[in-house]
Amino acid sequence: MVRRSIITSFVVGFTLMSCLMASAKQLDTKAKDVIARYTQSLQHDNAGVVESCIFNLMHVKLLYPGADFSKSVRDLNRLILDGGTAAIRYKAFLAVNFFENTDWQGLVEGIRQDEREEAFSLLSQKANSQLLSLNNR
């Protein structure tokens, strides 16, 4: 009886773990797809679309901290130099710092899409404070 209970527990545990792993793989695939789409949209002609995608990539980073954003960061670095507007170039700069500094990520946690300007404002304040602290050394 005890042996049967152990075998049943093992089978249930194995089944549950398999389901969780399948769900994790589905989430991983979904995250990769979302990241790829937002990264591709960074090339859009409409400045509002590009700015929205910059914010959305940061939001996805908060949801999937272990996901690979290397292509996104490369494209953001290009936008810093070649972005169509000064606002895009500056927001790309802030986003790159967001991706490279985990302490920046907590600043925008919980901020919604309709509050994205507030998120960029908080990141801008962080950048300014770091520049000021470097100047005071």
C-alpha atoms as a PDB file:
ATOM      1  CA  MET A   1       0.000   0.000   0.000  1.00  0.00           C
ATOM      2  CA  VAL A   2       2.799   2.421   0.920  1.00  0.00           C
ATOM      3  CA  ARG A   3       4.670   1.493  -2.241  1.00  0.00           C
ATOM      4  CA  ARG A   4       1.575   2.175  -4.345  1.00  0.00           C
ATOM      5  CA  SER A   5       1.145   5.552  -2.659  1.00  0.00           C
ATOM      6  CA  ILE A   6       4.777   6.468  -3.370  1.00  0.00           C
ATOM      7  CA  ILE A   7       4.439   5.422  -7.015  1.00  0.00           C
ATOM      8  CA  THR A   8       1.191   7.412  -7.352  1.00  0.00           C
ATOM      9  CA  SER A   9       2.845  10.475  -5.776  1.00  0.00           C
ATOM     10  CA  PHE A  10       5.782  10.124  -8.142  1.00  0.00           C
ATOM     11  CA  VAL A  11       3.518   9.852 -11.201  1.00  0.00           C
ATOM     12  CA  VAL A  12       1.415  12.856 -10.126  1.00  0.00           C
ATOM     13  CA  GLY A  13       4.560  14.883  -9.389  1.00  0.00           C
ATOM     14  CA  PHE A  14       6.141  13.939 -12.689  1.00  0.00           C
ATOM     15  CA  THR A  15       2.953  14.823 -14.584  1.00  0.00           C
ATOM     16  CA  LEU A  16       2.664  18.160 -12.799  1.00  0.00           C
ATOM     17  CA  MET A  17       6.329  18.964 -13.489  1.00  0.00           C
ATOM     18  CA  SER A  18       5.894  18.070 -17.170  1.00  0.00           C
ATOM     19  CA  CYS A  19       2.900  20.414 -17.408  1.00  0.00           C
ATOM     20  CA  LEU A  20       4.820  23.217 -15.722  1.00  0.00           C
ATOM     21  CA  MET A  21       7.774  22.726 -18.052  1.00  0.00           C
ATOM     22  CA  ALA A  22       5.462  22.779 -21.076  1.00  0.00           C
ATOM     23  CA  SER A  23       3.876  25.995 -19.793  1.00  0.00           C
ATOM     24  CA  ALA A  24       7.320  27.520 -19.254  1.00  0.00           C
ATOM     25  CA  LYS A  25       8.296  26.606 -22.818  1.00  0.00           C
ATOM     26  CA  GLN A  26       5.089  28.161 -24.152  1.00  0.00           C
ATOM     27  CA  LEU A  27       5.752  31.337 -22.154  1.00  0.00           C
ATOM     28  CA  ASP A  28       9.335  31.383 -23.377  1.00  0.00           C
ATOM     29  CA  THR A  29       8.167  31.077 -26.982  1.00  0.00           C
ATOM     30  CA  LYS A  30       5.527  33.744 -26.445  1.00  0.00           C
ATOM     31  CA  ALA A  31       8.068  36.089 -24.833  1.00  0.00           C
ATOM     32  CA  LYS A  32      10.512  35.588 -27.717  1.00  0.00           C
ATOM     33  CA  ASP A  33       7.752  36.374 -30.212  1.00  0.00           C
ATOM     34  CA  VAL A  34       6.660  39.518 -28.363  1.00  0.00           C
ATOM     35  CA  ILE A  35      10.252  40.725 -28.001  1.00  0.00           C
ATOM     36  CA  ALA A  36      10.924  40.106 -31.704  1.00  0.00           C
ATOM     37  CA  ARG A  37       7.795  42.013 -32.749  1.00  0.00           C
ATOM     38  CA  TYR A  38       8.526  45.015 -30.534  1.00  0.00           C
ATOM     39  CA  THR A  39      12.162  45.024 -31.632  1.00  0.00           C
ATOM     40  CA  GLN A  40      11.108  44.962 -35.285  1.00  0.00           C
ATOM     41  CA  SER A  41       8.678  47.817 -34.627  1.00  0.00           C
ATOM     42  CA  LEU A  42      11.564  49.992 -33.409  1.00  0.00           C
ATOM     43  CA  GLN A  43      12.181  50.580 -37.136  1.00  0.00           C
ATOM     44  CA  HIS A  44       8.696  52.005 -37.714  1.00  0.00           C
ATOM     45  CA  ASP A  45       8.320  55.415 -39.415  1.00  0.00           C
ATOM     46  CA  ASN A  46       5.857  56.709 -36.806  1.00  0.00           C
ATOM     47  CA  ALA A  47       7.681  58.213 -33.808  1.00  0.00           C
ATOM     48  CA  GLY A  48       4.785  57.409 -31.466  1.00  0.00           C
ATOM     49  CA  VAL A  49       4.940  53.742 -32.415  1.00  0.00           C
ATOM     50  CA  VAL A  50       8.694  53.648 -31.793  1.00  0.00           C
ATOM     51  CA  GLU A  51       8.379  55.376 -28.404  1.00  0.00           C
ATOM     52  CA  SER A  52       5.603  52.986 -27.420  1.00  0.00           C
ATOM     53  CA  CYS A  53       7.717  49.987 -28.445  1.00  0.00           C
ATOM     54  CA  ILE A  54      10.641  51.246 -26.367  1.00  0.00           C
ATOM     55  CA  PHE A  55       8.390  51.357 -23.296  1.00  0.00           C
ATOM     56  CA  ASN A  56       6.787  48.010 -24.119  1.00  0.00           C
ATOM     57  CA  LEU A  57      10.181  46.314 -24.385  1.00  0.00           C
ATOM     58  CA  MET A  58      11.031  47.590 -20.913  1.00  0.00           C
ATOM     59  CA  HIS A  59       7.694  46.309 -19.633  1.00  0.00           C
ATOM     60  CA  VAL A  60       8.335  42.879 -21.172  1.00  0.00           C
ATOM     61  CA  LYS A  61      11.769  42.850 -19.478  1.00  0.00           C
ATOM     62  CA  LEU A  62      10.006  43.220 -16.135  1.00  0.00           C
ATOM     63  CA  LEU A  63       7.662  40.344 -16.980  1.00  0.00           C
ATOM     64  CA  TYR A  64      10.395  38.078 -18.392  1.00  0.00           C
ATOM     65  CA  PRO A  65      13.647  39.112 -16.701  1.00  0.00           C
ATOM     66  CA  GLY A  66      15.517  36.056 -17.992  1.00  0.00           C
ATOM     67  CA  ALA A  67      14.567  36.551 -21.641  1.00  0.00           C
ATOM     68  CA  ASP A  68      17.179  37.454 -24.248  1.00  0.00           C
ATOM     69  CA  PHE A  69      16.982  41.148 -25.142  1.00  0.00           C
ATOM     70  CA  SER A  70      20.399  41.396 -26.820  1.00  0.00           C
ATOM     71  CA  LYS A  71      18.981  42.229 -30.275  1.00  0.00           C
ATOM     72  CA  SER A  72      16.606  44.751 -28.732  1.00  0.00           C
ATOM     73  CA  VAL A  73      19.490  46.455 -26.924  1.00  0.00           C
ATOM     74  CA  ARG A  74      21.565  46.529 -30.141  1.00  0.00           C
ATOM     75  CA  ASP A  75      18.667  48.156 -31.982  1.00  0.00           C
ATOM     76  CA  LEU A  76      18.121  50.615 -29.123  1.00  0.00           C
ATOM     77  CA  ASN A  77      21.808  51.551 -29.292  1.00  0.00           C
ATOM     78  CA  ARG A  78      21.334  52.274 -32.997  1.00  0.00           C
ATOM     79  CA  LEU A  79      18.342  54.451 -32.171  1.00  0.00           C
ATOM     80  CA  ILE A  80      20.482  56.473 -29.764  1.00  0.00           C
ATOM     81  CA  LEU A  81      22.548  57.510 -32.773  1.00  0.00           C
ATOM     82  CA  ASP A  82      20.035  57.363 -35.620  1.00  0.00           C
ATOM     83  CA  GLY A  83      16.592  57.814 -34.049  1.00  0.00           C
ATOM     84  CA  GLY A  84      14.215  59.984 -36.051  1.00  0.00           C
ATOM     85  CA  THR A  85      13.617  62.479 -33.229  1.00  0.00           C
ATOM     86  CA  ALA A  86      15.486  63.743 -30.187  1.00  0.00           C
ATOM     87  CA  ALA A  87      12.817  62.162 -27.988  1.00  0.00           C
ATOM     88  CA  ILE A  88      13.385  58.740 -29.558  1.00  0.00           C
ATOM     89  CA  ARG A  89      17.152  59.051 -29.176  1.00  0.00           C
ATOM     90  CA  TYR A  90      16.840  60.051 -25.509  1.00  0.00           C
ATOM     91  CA  LYS A  91      14.254  57.372 -24.677  1.00  0.00           C
ATOM     92  CA  ALA A  92      16.433  54.768 -26.371  1.00  0.00           C
ATOM     93  CA  PHE A  93      19.351  55.953 -24.215  1.00  0.00           C
ATOM     94  CA  LEU A  94      17.216  55.621 -21.087  1.00  0.00           C
ATOM     95  CA  ALA A  95      16.002  52.174 -22.170  1.00  0.00           C
ATOM     96  CA  VAL A  96      19.528  50.888 -22.773  1.00  0.00           C
ATOM     97  CA  ASN A  97      20.451  51.989 -19.254  1.00  0.00           C
ATOM     98  CA  PHE A  98      17.293  50.309 -17.985  1.00  0.00           C
ATOM     99  CA  PHE A  99      18.326  47.011 -19.605  1.00  0.00           C
ATOM    100  CA  GLU A 100      21.913  47.244 -18.395  1.00  0.00           C
ATOM    101  CA  ASN A 101      21.230  48.317 -14.787  1.00  0.00           C
ATOM    102  CA  THR A 102      18.912  46.210 -12.681  1.00  0.00           C
ATOM    103  CA  ASP A 103      18.494  49.010 -10.136  1.00  0.00           C
ATOM    104  CA  TRP A 104      16.839  51.102 -12.875  1.00  0.00           C
ATOM    105  CA  GLN A 105      14.261  48.386 -13.511  1.00  0.00           C
ATOM    106  CA  GLY A 106      12.573  48.830 -10.153  1.00  0.00           C
ATOM    107  CA  LEU A 107      11.852  52.464 -10.985  1.00  0.00           C
ATOM    108  CA  VAL A 108       9.217  51.639 -13.581  1.00  0.00           C
ATOM    109  CA  GLU A 109       7.782  48.473 -12.100  1.00  0.00           C
ATOM    110  CA  GLY A 110       3.993  48.667 -12.042  1.00  0.00           C
ATOM    111  CA  ILE A 111       3.744  51.629 -14.428  1.00  0.00           C
ATOM    112  CA  ARG A 112       1.061  51.143 -17.058  1.00  0.00           C
ATOM    113  CA  GLN A 113       1.209  51.907 -20.787  1.00  0.00           C
ATOM    114  CA  ASP A 114      -0.820  55.093 -20.333  1.00  0.00           C
ATOM    115  CA  GLU A 115       1.773  56.294 -17.781  1.00  0.00           C
ATOM    116  CA  ARG A 116       4.804  55.690 -19.980  1.00  0.00           C
ATOM    117  CA  GLU A 117       5.863  59.339 -19.954  1.00  0.00           C
ATOM    118  CA  GLU A 118       6.070  59.104 -16.165  1.00  0.00           C
ATOM    119  CA  ALA A 119       8.299  56.047 -16.546  1.00  0.00           C
ATOM    120  CA  PHE A 120      10.666  57.915 -18.867  1.00  0.00           C
ATOM    121  CA  SER A 121      10.621  60.874 -16.480  1.00  0.00           C
ATOM    122  CA  LEU A 122      11.684  58.630 -13.580  1.00  0.00           C
ATOM    123  CA  LEU A 123      14.450  57.095 -15.679  1.00  0.00           C
ATOM    124  CA  SER A 124      15.561  60.567 -16.752  1.00  0.00           C
ATOM    125  CA  GLN A 125      15.782  61.671 -13.127  1.00  0.00           C
ATOM    126  CA  LYS A 126      17.909  58.605 -12.374  1.00  0.00           C
ATOM    127  CA  ALA A 127      20.234  59.423 -15.288  1.00  0.00           C
ATOM    128  CA  ASN A 128      20.525  63.038 -14.172  1.00  0.00           C
ATOM    129  CA  SER A 129      21.277  62.074 -10.562  1.00  0.00           C
ATOM    130  CA  GLN A 130      24.015  59.704 -11.711  1.00  0.00           C
ATOM    131  CA  LEU A 131      25.545  62.404 -13.902  1.00  0.00           C
ATOM    132  CA  LEU A 132      25.448  64.882 -11.040  1.00  0.00           C
ATOM    133  CA  SER A 133      27.106  62.421  -8.671  1.00  0.00           C
ATOM    134  CA  LEU A 134      29.868  61.861 -11.229  1.00  0.00           C
ATOM    135  CA  ASN A 135      30.401  65.615 -11.563  1.00  0.00           C
ATOM    136  CA  ASN A 136      30.687  66.073  -7.794  1.00  0.00           C
ATOM    137  CA  ARG A 137      33.577  63.636  -7.446  1.00  0.00           C
END
